[in-house]
Amino acid sequence: MMKLLIIVAVLLFGCQARPYGDEKNAKILQNDMNHYRINDFGQGFYSNSFRTSNGITKKEFGSVDFNVDHPVLVVRGIYSYIGTDGKKYEVTYVADEKGFRISKMAIIKTEPHKNIKRY
């Protein structure tokens, strides 16, 4: 029963909080892609991020976890966007051998986004 309530809450939150704005004319303002390092033992990590003019941001970091029975790629990240209500929504996630999981969903209190055309 609790799983059903969580699924319904996520679906309702996701339906209300979809990206909104001038999507066709959005520009990439920052693009830090493909940063990676590998040490002498073959262990490494990567990170990337971007930010757009319509309020979408994403930051992600990935590495291989060797502290388990077999090597596992672990990815952690956060993305945010401006919803149809003008509020900023932020989602923190992790992806590993257990799949993709949202670890936190939040509405960030900010001033209304000024670069978004309202219809």
PDB file of N, CA and C in Angstrom:
ATOM      1  N   MET A   1       0.813  -1.195   0.000  1.00  0.00           N
ATOM      2  CA  MET A   1       0.000   0.000   0.000  1.00  0.00           C
ATOM      3  C   MET A   1       0.858   1.261   0.000  1.00  0.00           C
ATOM      4  N   MET A   2       1.946   1.244   0.797  1.00  0.00           N
ATOM      5  CA  MET A   2       2.829   2.404   0.871  1.00  0.00           C
ATOM      6  C   MET A   2       3.500   2.655  -0.478  1.00  0.00           C
ATOM      7  N   LYS A   3       3.898   1.579  -1.180  1.00  0.00           N
ATOM      8  CA  LYS A   3       4.507   1.737  -2.498  1.00  0.00           C
ATOM      9  C   LYS A   3       3.539   2.408  -3.459  1.00  0.00           C
ATOM     10  N   LEU A   4       2.277   2.018  -3.408  1.00  0.00           N
ATOM     11  CA  LEU A   4       1.259   2.605  -4.280  1.00  0.00           C
ATOM     12  C   LEU A   4       1.120   4.102  -4.007  1.00  0.00           C
ATOM     13  N   LEU A   5       1.110   4.501  -2.729  1.00  0.00           N
ATOM     14  CA  LEU A   5       1.008   5.910  -2.383  1.00  0.00           C
ATOM     15  C   LEU A   5       2.208   6.695  -2.884  1.00  0.00           C
ATOM     16  N   ILE A   6       3.395   6.128  -2.763  1.00  0.00           N
ATOM     17  CA  ILE A   6       4.607   6.794  -3.246  1.00  0.00           C
ATOM     18  C   ILE A   6       4.559   6.956  -4.756  1.00  0.00           C
ATOM     19  N   ILE A   7       4.152   5.916  -5.473  1.00  0.00           N
ATOM     20  CA  ILE A   7       4.068   5.978  -6.931  1.00  0.00           C
ATOM     21  C   ILE A   7       3.063   7.045  -7.362  1.00  0.00           C
ATOM     22  N   VAL A   8       1.903   7.088  -6.719  1.00  0.00           N
ATOM     23  CA  VAL A   8       0.886   8.089  -7.053  1.00  0.00           C
ATOM     24  C   VAL A   8       1.427   9.498  -6.781  1.00  0.00           C
ATOM     25  N   ALA A   9       2.114   9.687  -5.656  1.00  0.00           N
ATOM     26  CA  ALA A   9       2.666  11.008  -5.323  1.00  0.00           C
ATOM     27  C   ALA A   9       3.701  11.442  -6.353  1.00  0.00           C
ATOM     28  N   VAL A  10       4.574  10.533  -6.762  1.00  0.00           N
ATOM     29  CA  VAL A  10       5.590  10.848  -7.776  1.00  0.00           C
ATOM     30  C   VAL A  10       4.929  11.207  -9.099  1.00  0.00           C
ATOM     31  N   LEU A  11       3.923  10.454  -9.503  1.00  0.00           N
ATOM     32  CA  LEU A  11       3.233  10.745 -10.761  1.00  0.00           C
ATOM     33  C   LEU A  11       2.537  12.097 -10.717  1.00  0.00           C
ATOM     34  N   LEU A  12       1.873  12.406  -9.622  1.00  0.00           N
ATOM     35  CA  LEU A  12       1.204  13.697  -9.502  1.00  0.00           C
ATOM     36  C   LEU A  12       2.204  14.837  -9.499  1.00  0.00           C
ATOM     37  N   PHE A  13       3.295  14.667  -8.770  1.00  0.00           N
ATOM     38  CA  PHE A  13       4.337  15.690  -8.715  1.00  0.00           C
ATOM     39  C   PHE A  13       4.938  15.893 -10.101  1.00  0.00           C
ATOM     40  N   GLY A  14       5.220  14.813 -10.798  1.00  0.00           N
ATOM     41  CA  GLY A  14       5.825  14.884 -12.122  1.00  0.00           C
ATOM     42  C   GLY A  14       4.905  15.504 -13.151  1.00  0.00           C
ATOM     43  N   CYS A  15       3.611  15.237 -13.072  1.00  0.00           N
ATOM     44  CA  CYS A  15       2.663  15.811 -14.028  1.00  0.00           C
ATOM     45  C   CYS A  15       2.543  17.314 -13.842  1.00  0.00           C
ATOM     46  N   GLN A  16       2.577  17.778 -12.614  1.00  0.00           N
ATOM     47  CA  GLN A  16       2.453  19.198 -12.360  1.00  0.00           C
ATOM     48  C   GLN A  16       3.749  19.934 -12.681  1.00  0.00           C
ATOM     49  N   ALA A  17       4.873  19.298 -12.489  1.00  0.00           N
ATOM     50  CA  ALA A  17       6.157  19.983 -12.537  1.00  0.00           C
ATOM     51  C   ALA A  17       6.933  19.684 -13.806  1.00  0.00           C
ATOM     52  N   ARG A  18       6.311  19.850 -14.940  1.00  0.00           N
ATOM     53  CA  ARG A  18       7.029  19.631 -16.182  1.00  0.00           C
ATOM     54  C   ARG A  18       7.707  20.930 -16.611  1.00  0.00           C
ATOM     55  N   PRO A  19       8.817  20.856 -17.356  1.00  0.00           N
ATOM     56  CA  PRO A  19       9.501  22.068 -17.787  1.00  0.00           C
ATOM     57  C   PRO A  19       8.578  22.951 -18.619  1.00  0.00           C
ATOM     58  N   TYR A  20       8.794  24.246 -18.526  1.00  0.00           N
ATOM     59  CA  TYR A  20       7.917  25.191 -19.195  1.00  0.00           C
ATOM     60  C   TYR A  20       8.729  26.408 -19.607  1.00  0.00           C
ATOM     61  N   GLY A  21       8.422  26.969 -20.716  1.00  0.00           N
ATOM     62  CA  GLY A  21       9.076  28.203 -21.113  1.00  0.00           C
ATOM     63  C   GLY A  21       9.341  28.229 -22.595  1.00  0.00           C
ATOM     64  N   ASP A  22      10.290  29.020 -22.975  1.00  0.00           N
ATOM     65  CA  ASP A  22      10.633  29.216 -24.367  1.00  0.00           C
ATOM     66  C   ASP A  22      11.579  28.094 -24.818  1.00  0.00           C
ATOM     67  N   GLU A  23      11.057  26.895 -24.940  1.00  0.00           N
ATOM     68  CA  GLU A  23      11.870  25.716 -25.229  1.00  0.00           C
ATOM     69  C   GLU A  23      12.551  25.794 -26.602  1.00  0.00           C
ATOM     70  N   LYS A  24      11.853  26.320 -27.611  1.00  0.00           N
ATOM     71  CA  LYS A  24      12.411  26.356 -28.965  1.00  0.00           C
ATOM     72  C   LYS A  24      13.628  27.265 -29.063  1.00  0.00           C
ATOM     73  N   ASN A  25      13.674  28.310 -28.258  1.00  0.00           N
ATOM     74  CA  ASN A  25      14.769  29.273 -28.340  1.00  0.00           C
ATOM     75  C   ASN A  25      15.757  29.152 -27.187  1.00  0.00           C
ATOM     76  N   ALA A  26      15.668  28.095 -26.406  1.00  0.00           N
ATOM     77  CA  ALA A  26      16.578  27.923 -25.271  1.00  0.00           C
ATOM     78  C   ALA A  26      18.009  27.769 -25.778  1.00  0.00           C
ATOM     79  N   LYS A  27      18.932  28.375 -25.062  1.00  0.00           N
ATOM     80  CA  LYS A  27      20.354  28.327 -25.407  1.00  0.00           C
ATOM     81  C   LYS A  27      21.126  27.650 -24.287  1.00  0.00           C
ATOM     82  N   ILE A  28      22.189  26.973 -24.663  1.00  0.00           N
ATOM     83  CA  ILE A  28      23.086  26.386 -23.669  1.00  0.00           C
ATOM     84  C   ILE A  28      24.003  27.497 -23.181  1.00  0.00           C
ATOM     85  N   LEU A  29      23.949  27.790 -21.886  1.00  0.00           N
ATOM     86  CA  LEU A  29      24.759  28.847 -21.298  1.00  0.00           C
ATOM     87  C   LEU A  29      26.076  28.320 -20.745  1.00  0.00           C
ATOM     88  N   GLN A  30      26.058  27.081 -20.302  1.00  0.00           N
ATOM     89  CA  GLN A  30      27.260  26.455 -19.730  1.00  0.00           C
ATOM     90  C   GLN A  30      27.230  24.991 -20.111  1.00  0.00           C
ATOM     91  N   ASN A  31      28.379  24.461 -20.548  1.00  0.00           N
ATOM     92  CA  ASN A  31      28.452  23.061 -20.953  1.00  0.00           C
ATOM     93  C   ASN A  31      29.813  22.503 -20.547  1.00  0.00           C
ATOM     94  N   ASP A  32      29.879  21.885 -19.407  1.00  0.00           N
ATOM     95  CA  ASP A  32      31.120  21.266 -18.918  1.00  0.00           C
ATOM     96  C   ASP A  32      30.965  19.760 -19.029  1.00  0.00           C
ATOM     97  N   MET A  33      31.262  19.228 -20.186  1.00  0.00           N
ATOM     98  CA  MET A  33      31.053  17.815 -20.449  1.00  0.00           C
ATOM     99  C   MET A  33      32.390  17.066 -20.475  1.00  0.00           C
ATOM    100  N   ASN A  34      32.296  15.789 -20.160  1.00  0.00           N
ATOM    101  CA  ASN A  34      33.394  14.842 -20.345  1.00  0.00           C
ATOM    102  C   ASN A  34      34.658  15.149 -19.555  1.00  0.00           C
ATOM    103  N   HIS A  35      34.499  15.487 -18.295  1.00  0.00           N
ATOM    104  CA  HIS A  35      35.655  15.578 -17.408  1.00  0.00           C
ATOM    105  C   HIS A  35      35.860  14.187 -16.810  1.00  0.00           C
ATOM    106  N   TYR A  36      37.030  13.613 -17.011  1.00  0.00           N
ATOM    107  CA  TYR A  36      37.275  12.297 -16.445  1.00  0.00           C
ATOM    108  C   TYR A  36      38.739  12.150 -16.082  1.00  0.00           C
ATOM    109  N   ARG A  37      39.000  11.250 -15.145  1.00  0.00           N
ATOM    110  CA  ARG A  37      40.366  10.954 -14.695  1.00  0.00           C
ATOM    111  C   ARG A  37      40.463   9.462 -14.416  1.00  0.00           C
ATOM    112  N   ILE A  38      41.609   8.914 -14.699  1.00  0.00           N
ATOM    113  CA  ILE A  38      41.881   7.506 -14.403  1.00  0.00           C
ATOM    114  C   ILE A  38      43.223   7.443 -13.675  1.00  0.00           C
ATOM    115  N   ASN A  39      43.256   6.746 -12.527  1.00  0.00           N
ATOM    116  CA  ASN A  39      44.509   6.642 -11.785  1.00  0.00           C
ATOM    117  C   ASN A  39      45.337   5.448 -12.270  1.00  0.00           C
ATOM    118  N   ASP A  40      46.466   5.198 -11.624  1.00  0.00           N
ATOM    119  CA  ASP A  40      47.383   4.117 -12.022  1.00  0.00           C
ATOM    120  C   ASP A  40      46.783   2.724 -11.856  1.00  0.00           C
ATOM    121  N   PHE A  41      45.710   2.603 -11.102  1.00  0.00           N
ATOM    122  CA  PHE A  41      45.076   1.310 -10.859  1.00  0.00           C
ATOM    123  C   PHE A  41      43.884   1.062 -11.769  1.00  0.00           C
ATOM    124  N   GLY A  42      43.665   1.954 -12.731  1.00  0.00           N
ATOM    125  CA  GLY A  42      42.552   1.803 -13.655  1.00  0.00           C
ATOM    126  C   GLY A  42      41.232   2.290 -13.095  1.00  0.00           C
ATOM    127  N   GLN A  43      41.275   2.895 -11.919  1.00  0.00           N
ATOM    128  CA  GLN A  43      40.053   3.434 -11.326  1.00  0.00           C
ATOM    129  C   GLN A  43      39.881   4.871 -11.797  1.00  0.00           C
ATOM    130  N   GLY A  44      38.658   5.246 -12.023  1.00  0.00           N
ATOM    131  CA  GLY A  44      38.437   6.596 -12.506  1.00  0.00           C
ATOM    132  C   GLY A  44      37.066   7.114 -12.184  1.00  0.00           C
ATOM    133  N   PHE A  45      36.807   8.323 -12.652  1.00  0.00           N
ATOM    134  CA  PHE A  45      35.507   8.935 -12.473  1.00  0.00           C
ATOM    135  C   PHE A  45      35.261   9.880 -13.636  1.00  0.00           C
ATOM    136  N   TYR A  46      34.019  10.295 -13.794  1.00  0.00           N
ATOM    137  CA  TYR A  46      33.687  11.327 -14.761  1.00  0.00           C
ATOM    138  C   TYR A  46      32.707  12.297 -14.123  1.00  0.00           C
ATOM    139  N   SER A  47      32.624  13.462 -14.686  1.00  0.00           N
ATOM    140  CA  SER A  47      31.623  14.428 -14.256  1.00  0.00           C
ATOM    141  C   SER A  47      31.237  15.282 -15.449  1.00  0.00           C
ATOM    142  N   ASN A  48      30.019  15.760 -15.436  1.00  0.00           N
ATOM    143  CA  ASN A  48      29.560  16.680 -16.470  1.00  0.00           C
ATOM    144  C   ASN A  48      28.429  17.527 -15.924  1.00  0.00           C
ATOM    145  N   SER A  49      28.202  18.651 -16.578  1.00  0.00           N
ATOM    146  CA  SER A  49      27.115  19.534 -16.159  1.00  0.00           C
ATOM    147  C   SER A  49      26.741  20.441 -17.325  1.00  0.00           C
ATOM    148  N   PHE A  50      25.532  20.972 -17.268  1.00  0.00           N
ATOM    149  CA  PHE A  50      25.127  21.996 -18.217  1.00  0.00           C
ATOM    150  C   PHE A  50      24.046  22.868 -17.598  1.00  0.00           C
ATOM    151  N   ARG A  51      23.854  24.045 -18.215  1.00  0.00           N
ATOM    152  CA  ARG A  51      22.840  25.002 -17.774  1.00  0.00           C
ATOM    153  C   ARG A  51      22.286  25.683 -19.020  1.00  0.00           C
ATOM    154  N   THR A  52      20.967  25.839 -19.091  1.00  0.00           N
ATOM    155  CA  THR A  52      20.333  26.444 -20.254  1.00  0.00           C
ATOM    156  C   THR A  52      19.623  27.751 -19.892  1.00  0.00           C
ATOM    157  N   SER A  53      19.305  28.527 -20.918  1.00  0.00           N
ATOM    158  CA  SER A  53      18.674  29.835 -20.699  1.00  0.00           C
ATOM    159  C   SER A  53      17.241  29.734 -20.189  1.00  0.00           C
ATOM    160  N   ASN A  54      16.614  28.576 -20.320  1.00  0.00           N
ATOM    161  CA  ASN A  54      15.237  28.431 -19.829  1.00  0.00           C
ATOM    162  C   ASN A  54      15.175  27.800 -18.439  1.00  0.00           C
ATOM    163  N   GLY A  55      16.293  27.792 -17.725  1.00  0.00           N
ATOM    164  CA  GLY A  55      16.277  27.389 -16.318  1.00  0.00           C
ATOM    165  C   GLY A  55      16.571  25.930 -16.036  1.00  0.00           C
ATOM    166  N   ILE A  56      16.983  25.157 -17.029  1.00  0.00           N
ATOM    167  CA  ILE A  56      17.304  23.742 -16.809  1.00  0.00           C
ATOM    168  C   ILE A  56      18.780  23.626 -16.460  1.00  0.00           C
ATOM    169  N   THR A  57      19.083  22.860 -15.409  1.00  0.00           N
ATOM    170  CA  THR A  57      20.474  22.574 -15.048  1.00  0.00           C
ATOM    171  C   THR A  57      20.622  21.084 -14.757  1.00  0.00           C
ATOM    172  N   LYS A  58      21.846  20.576 -14.946  1.00  0.00           N
ATOM    173  CA  LYS A  58      22.135  19.181 -14.609  1.00  0.00           C
ATOM    174  C   LYS A  58      23.593  19.058 -14.222  1.00  0.00           C
ATOM    175  N   LYS A  59      23.862  18.318 -13.159  1.00  0.00           N
ATOM    176  CA  LYS A  59      25.222  17.982 -12.732  1.00  0.00           C
ATOM    177  C   LYS A  59      25.242  16.495 -12.438  1.00  0.00           C
ATOM    178  N   GLU A  60      26.279  15.806 -12.919  1.00  0.00           N
ATOM    179  CA  GLU A  60      26.351  14.354 -12.740  1.00  0.00           C
ATOM    180  C   GLU A  60      27.792  13.940 -12.495  1.00  0.00           C
ATOM    181  N   PHE A  61      27.959  12.923 -11.645  1.00  0.00           N
ATOM    182  CA  PHE A  61      29.263  12.384 -11.295  1.00  0.00           C
ATOM    183  C   PHE A  61      29.159  10.866 -11.293  1.00  0.00           C
ATOM    184  N   GLY A  62      30.082  10.189 -11.920  1.00  0.00           N
ATOM    185  CA  GLY A  62      30.051   8.725 -11.953  1.00  0.00           C
ATOM    186  C   GLY A  62      31.408   8.134 -11.635  1.00  0.00           C
ATOM    187  N   SER A  63      31.406   6.991 -10.969  1.00  0.00           N
ATOM    188  CA  SER A  63      32.651   6.281 -10.654  1.00  0.00           C
ATOM    189  C   SER A  63      32.338   4.801 -10.483  1.00  0.00           C
ATOM    190  N   VAL A  64      33.377   4.000 -10.491  1.00  0.00           N
ATOM    191  CA  VAL A  64      33.216   2.558 -10.303  1.00  0.00           C
ATOM    192  C   VAL A  64      33.501   2.232  -8.847  1.00  0.00           C
ATOM    193  N   ASP A  65      32.568   1.519  -8.223  1.00  0.00           N
ATOM    194  CA  ASP A  65      32.712   1.081  -6.841  1.00  0.00           C
ATOM    195  C   ASP A  65      33.335  -0.306  -6.838  1.00  0.00           C
ATOM    196  N   PHE A  66      34.552  -0.423  -6.292  1.00  0.00           N
ATOM    197  CA  PHE A  66      35.250  -1.708  -6.222  1.00  0.00           C
ATOM    198  C   PHE A  66      35.106  -2.359  -4.854  1.00  0.00           C
ATOM    199  N   ASN A  67      34.296  -1.776  -3.969  1.00  0.00           N
ATOM    200  CA  ASN A  67      34.135  -2.297  -2.611  1.00  0.00           C
ATOM    201  C   ASN A  67      33.001  -3.306  -2.497  1.00  0.00           C
ATOM    202  N   VAL A  68      32.614  -3.887  -3.600  1.00  0.00           N
ATOM    203  CA  VAL A  68      31.561  -4.899  -3.621  1.00  0.00           C
ATOM    204  C   VAL A  68      32.109  -6.143  -4.315  1.00  0.00           C
ATOM    205  N   ASP A  69      31.272  -7.188  -4.453  1.00  0.00           N
ATOM    206  CA  ASP A  69      31.722  -8.444  -5.056  1.00  0.00           C
ATOM    207  C   ASP A  69      32.234  -8.279  -6.480  1.00  0.00           C
ATOM    208  N   HIS A  70      31.636  -7.345  -7.215  1.00  0.00           N
ATOM    209  CA  HIS A  70      32.036  -7.080  -8.597  1.00  0.00           C
ATOM    210  C   HIS A  70      32.000  -5.572  -8.816  1.00  0.00           C
ATOM    211  N   PRO A  71      32.822  -5.046  -9.718  1.00  0.00           N
ATOM    212  CA  PRO A  71      32.815  -3.589  -9.951  1.00  0.00           C
ATOM    213  C   PRO A  71      31.435  -3.105 -10.397  1.00  0.00           C
ATOM    214  N   VAL A  72      31.010  -1.976  -9.829  1.00  0.00           N
ATOM    215  CA  VAL A  72      29.692  -1.410 -10.117  1.00  0.00           C
ATOM    216  C   VAL A  72      29.850   0.072 -10.444  1.00  0.00           C
ATOM    217  N   LEU A  73      29.281   0.487 -11.576  1.00  0.00           N
ATOM    218  CA  LEU A  73      29.248   1.909 -11.912  1.00  0.00           C
ATOM    219  C   LEU A  73      28.175   2.573 -11.057  1.00  0.00           C
ATOM    220  N   VAL A  74      28.567   3.626 -10.355  1.00  0.00           N
ATOM    221  CA  VAL A  74      27.642   4.380  -9.513  1.00  0.00           C
ATOM    222  C   VAL A  74      27.586   5.808 -10.053  1.00  0.00           C
ATOM    223  N   VAL A  75      26.389   6.249 -10.373  1.00  0.00           N
ATOM    224  CA  VAL A  75      26.184   7.596 -10.908  1.00  0.00           C
ATOM    225  C   VAL A  75      25.297   8.358  -9.939  1.00  0.00           C
ATOM    226  N   ARG A  76      25.725   9.565  -9.594  1.00  0.00           N
ATOM    227  CA  ARG A  76      24.936  10.442  -8.741  1.00  0.00           C
ATOM    228  C   ARG A  76      24.760  11.762  -9.474  1.00  0.00           C
ATOM    229  N   GLY A  77      23.595  12.350  -9.320  1.00  0.00           N
ATOM    230  CA  GLY A  77      23.372  13.609 -10.009  1.00  0.00           C
ATOM    231  C   GLY A  77      22.227  14.406  -9.450  1.00  0.00           C
ATOM    232  N   ILE A  78      22.076  15.582 -10.032  1.00  0.00           N
ATOM    233  CA  ILE A  78      20.992  16.476  -9.662  1.00  0.00           C
ATOM    234  C   ILE A  78      20.596  17.261 -10.901  1.00  0.00           C
ATOM    235  N   TYR A  79      19.299  17.423 -11.112  1.00  0.00           N
ATOM    236  CA  TYR A  79      18.845  18.287 -12.192  1.00  0.00           C
ATOM    237  C   TYR A  79      17.710  19.157 -11.683  1.00  0.00           C
ATOM    238  N   SER A  80      17.522  20.289 -12.334  1.00  0.00           N
ATOM    239  CA  SER A  80      16.453  21.204 -11.937  1.00  0.00           C
ATOM    240  C   SER A  80      15.869  21.865 -13.173  1.00  0.00           C
ATOM    241  N   TYR A  81      14.652  22.344 -13.022  1.00  0.00           N
ATOM    242  CA  TYR A  81      13.952  23.020 -14.114  1.00  0.00           C
ATOM    243  C   TYR A  81      12.856  23.890 -13.531  1.00  0.00           C
ATOM    244  N   ILE A  82      12.345  24.784 -14.359  1.00  0.00           N
ATOM    245  CA  ILE A  82      11.262  25.668 -13.963  1.00  0.00           C
ATOM    246  C   ILE A  82       9.948  25.037 -14.400  1.00  0.00           C
ATOM    247  N   GLY A  83       9.026  24.837 -13.475  1.00  0.00           N
ATOM    248  CA  GLY A  83       7.731  24.225 -13.778  1.00  0.00           C
ATOM    249  C   GLY A  83       6.761  25.228 -14.383  1.00  0.00           C
ATOM    250  N   THR A  84       5.607  24.747 -14.796  1.00  0.00           N
ATOM    251  CA  THR A  84       4.582  25.608 -15.397  1.00  0.00           C
ATOM    252  C   THR A  84       4.081  26.663 -14.421  1.00  0.00           C
ATOM    253  N   ASP A  85       4.278  26.415 -13.134  1.00  0.00           N
ATOM    254  CA  ASP A  85       3.852  27.360 -12.111  1.00  0.00           C
ATOM    255  C   ASP A  85       4.921  28.409 -11.804  1.00  0.00           C
ATOM    256  N   GLY A  86       6.060  28.369 -12.525  1.00  0.00           N
ATOM    257  CA  GLY A  86       7.136  29.330 -12.315  1.00  0.00           C
ATOM    258  C   GLY A  86       8.077  28.971 -11.186  1.00  0.00           C
ATOM    259  N   LYS A  87       7.824  27.852 -10.492  1.00  0.00           N
ATOM    260  CA  LYS A  87       8.684  27.421  -9.395  1.00  0.00           C
ATOM    261  C   LYS A  87       9.818  26.541  -9.923  1.00  0.00           C
ATOM    262  N   LYS A  88      10.926  26.557  -9.210  1.00  0.00           N
ATOM    263  CA  LYS A  88      12.074  25.737  -9.583  1.00  0.00           C
ATOM    264  C   LYS A  88      11.973  24.380  -8.876  1.00  0.00           C
ATOM    265  N   TYR A  89      12.022  23.313  -9.663  1.00  0.00           N
ATOM    266  CA  TYR A  89      11.969  21.949  -9.141  1.00  0.00           C
ATOM    267  C   TYR A  89      13.355  21.336  -9.241  1.00  0.00           C
ATOM    268  N   GLU A  90      13.752  20.605  -8.192  1.00  0.00           N
ATOM    269  CA  GLU A  90      15.085  20.014  -8.148  1.00  0.00           C
ATOM    270  C   GLU A  90      14.973  18.534  -7.783  1.00  0.00           C
ATOM    271  N   VAL A  91      15.663  17.685  -8.543  1.00  0.00           N
ATOM    272  CA  VAL A  91      15.621  16.240  -8.334  1.00  0.00           C
ATOM    273  C   VAL A  91      17.049  15.729  -8.161  1.00  0.00           C
ATOM    274  N   THR A  92      17.290  15.016  -7.078  1.00  0.00           N
ATOM    275  CA  THR A  92      18.582  14.379  -6.817  1.00  0.00           C
ATOM    276  C   THR A  92      18.405  12.884  -7.033  1.00  0.00           C
ATOM    277  N   TYR A  93      19.383  12.244  -7.691  1.00  0.00           N
ATOM    278  CA  TYR A  93      19.223  10.835  -8.036  1.00  0.00           C
ATOM    279  C   TYR A  93      20.529  10.063  -7.884  1.00  0.00           C
ATOM    280  N   VAL A  94      20.381   8.747  -7.856  1.00  0.00           N
ATOM    281  CA  VAL A  94      21.505   7.822  -7.881  1.00  0.00           C
ATOM    282  C   VAL A  94      21.120   6.676  -8.807  1.00  0.00           C
ATOM    283  N   ALA A  95      22.100   6.167  -9.542  1.00  0.00           N
ATOM    284  CA  ALA A  95      21.882   5.003 -10.406  1.00  0.00           C
ATOM    285  C   ALA A  95      23.055   4.056 -10.201  1.00  0.00           C
ATOM    286  N   ASP A  96      22.739   2.796  -9.933  1.00  0.00           N
ATOM    287  CA  ASP A  96      23.778   1.790  -9.714  1.00  0.00           C
ATOM    288  C   ASP A  96      23.203   0.419 -10.044  1.00  0.00           C
ATOM    289  N   GLU A  97      23.735  -0.634  -9.449  1.00  0.00           N
ATOM    290  CA  GLU A  97      23.252  -1.981  -9.767  1.00  0.00           C
ATOM    291  C   GLU A  97      21.789  -2.196  -9.349  1.00  0.00           C
ATOM    292  N   LYS A  98      21.265  -1.313  -8.518  1.00  0.00           N
ATOM    293  CA  LYS A  98      19.867  -1.410  -8.084  1.00  0.00           C
ATOM    294  C   LYS A  98      18.933  -0.613  -9.001  1.00  0.00           C
ATOM    295  N   GLY A  99      19.485   0.086 -10.009  1.00  0.00           N
ATOM    296  CA  GLY A  99      18.683   0.865 -10.933  1.00  0.00           C
ATOM    297  C   GLY A  99      18.723   2.351 -10.630  1.00  0.00           C
ATOM    298  N   PHE A 100      17.883   3.103 -11.317  1.00  0.00           N
ATOM    299  CA  PHE A 100      17.765   4.549 -11.141  1.00  0.00           C
ATOM    300  C   PHE A 100      16.802   4.822 -10.000  1.00  0.00           C
ATOM    301  N   ARG A 101      17.237   5.651  -9.044  1.00  0.00           N
ATOM    302  CA  ARG A 101      16.385   5.987  -7.909  1.00  0.00           C
ATOM    303  C   ARG A 101      16.453   7.475  -7.622  1.00  0.00           C
ATOM    304  N   ILE A 102      15.308   8.067  -7.410  1.00  0.00           N
ATOM    305  CA  ILE A 102      15.256   9.462  -6.980  1.00  0.00           C
ATOM    306  C   ILE A 102      15.463   9.473  -5.474  1.00  0.00           C
ATOM    307  N   SER A 103      16.463  10.216  -5.033  1.00  0.00           N
ATOM    308  CA  SER A 103      16.728  10.258  -3.599  1.00  0.00           C
ATOM    309  C   SER A 103      16.118  11.491  -2.933  1.00  0.00           C
ATOM    310  N   LYS A 104      15.811  12.524  -3.746  1.00  0.00           N
ATOM    311  CA  LYS A 104      15.186  13.713  -3.167  1.00  0.00           C
ATOM    312  C   LYS A 104      14.506  14.503  -4.280  1.00  0.00           C
ATOM    313  N   MET A 105      13.302  14.989  -3.993  1.00  0.00           N
ATOM    314  CA  MET A 105      12.585  15.886  -4.897  1.00  0.00           C
ATOM    315  C   MET A 105      12.197  17.106  -4.078  1.00  0.00           C
ATOM    316  N   ALA A 106      12.450  18.298  -4.615  1.00  0.00           N
ATOM    317  CA  ALA A 106      12.175  19.499  -3.840  1.00  0.00           C
ATOM    318  C   ALA A 106      11.707  20.635  -4.738  1.00  0.00           C
ATOM    319  N   ILE A 107      10.941  21.534  -4.158  1.00  0.00           N
ATOM    320  CA  ILE A 107      10.599  22.797  -4.795  1.00  0.00           C
ATOM    321  C   ILE A 107      11.485  23.844  -4.134  1.00  0.00           C
ATOM    322  N   ILE A 108      12.280  24.523  -4.948  1.00  0.00           N
ATOM    323  CA  ILE A 108      13.219  25.509  -4.437  1.00  0.00           C
ATOM    324  C   ILE A 108      12.552  26.880  -4.477  1.00  0.00           C
ATOM    325  N   LYS A 109      12.542  27.569  -3.367  1.00  0.00           N
ATOM    326  CA  LYS A 109      11.938  28.901  -3.320  1.00  0.00           C
ATOM    327  C   LYS A 109      12.919  29.904  -3.917  1.00  0.00           C
ATOM    328  N   THR A 110      12.556  30.462  -5.059  1.00  0.00           N
ATOM    329  CA  THR A 110      13.369  31.466  -5.734  1.00  0.00           C
ATOM    330  C   THR A 110      12.446  32.526  -6.303  1.00  0.00           C
ATOM    331  N   GLU A 111      13.042  33.578  -6.792  1.00  0.00           N
ATOM    332  CA  GLU A 111      12.275  34.582  -7.524  1.00  0.00           C
ATOM    333  C   GLU A 111      11.799  33.942  -8.818  1.00  0.00           C
ATOM    334  N   PRO A 112      10.668  34.369  -9.365  1.00  0.00           N
ATOM    335  CA  PRO A 112      10.213  33.813 -10.646  1.00  0.00           C
ATOM    336  C   PRO A 112      11.287  33.965 -11.709  1.00  0.00           C
ATOM    337  N   HIS A 113      11.407  32.974 -12.557  1.00  0.00           N
ATOM    338  CA  HIS A 113      12.417  32.970 -13.602  1.00  0.00           C
ATOM    339  C   HIS A 113      12.094  34.064 -14.612  1.00  0.00           C
ATOM    340  N   LYS A 114      13.037  34.933 -14.871  1.00  0.00           N
ATOM    341  CA  LYS A 114      12.777  36.110 -15.692  1.00  0.00           C
ATOM    342  C   LYS A 114      12.928  35.866 -17.187  1.00  0.00           C
ATOM    343  N   ASN A 115      13.602  34.790 -17.620  1.00  0.00           N
ATOM    344  CA  ASN A 115      13.834  34.544 -19.033  1.00  0.00           C
ATOM    345  C   ASN A 115      12.761  33.688 -19.684  1.00  0.00           C
ATOM    346  N   ILE A 116      11.700  33.381 -18.964  1.00  0.00           N
ATOM    347  CA  ILE A 116      10.675  32.489 -19.503  1.00  0.00           C
ATOM    348  C   ILE A 116       9.474  33.311 -19.948  1.00  0.00           C
ATOM    349  N   LYS A 117       9.061  33.100 -21.179  1.00  0.00           N
ATOM    350  CA  LYS A 117       7.861  33.753 -21.678  1.00  0.00           C
ATOM    351  C   LYS A 117       6.635  33.010 -21.149  1.00  0.00           C
ATOM    352  N   ARG A 118       5.689  33.728 -20.599  1.00  0.00           N
ATOM    353  CA  ARG A 118       4.443  33.139 -20.114  1.00  0.00           C
ATOM    354  C   ARG A 118       3.391  33.261 -21.202  1.00  0.00           C
ATOM    355  N   TYR A 119       2.600  32.225 -21.398  1.00  0.00           N
ATOM    356  CA  TYR A 119       1.588  32.234 -22.457  1.00  0.00           C
ATOM    357  C   TYR A 119       0.207  32.389 -21.875  1.00  0.00           C
TER     358      TYR A 119
END
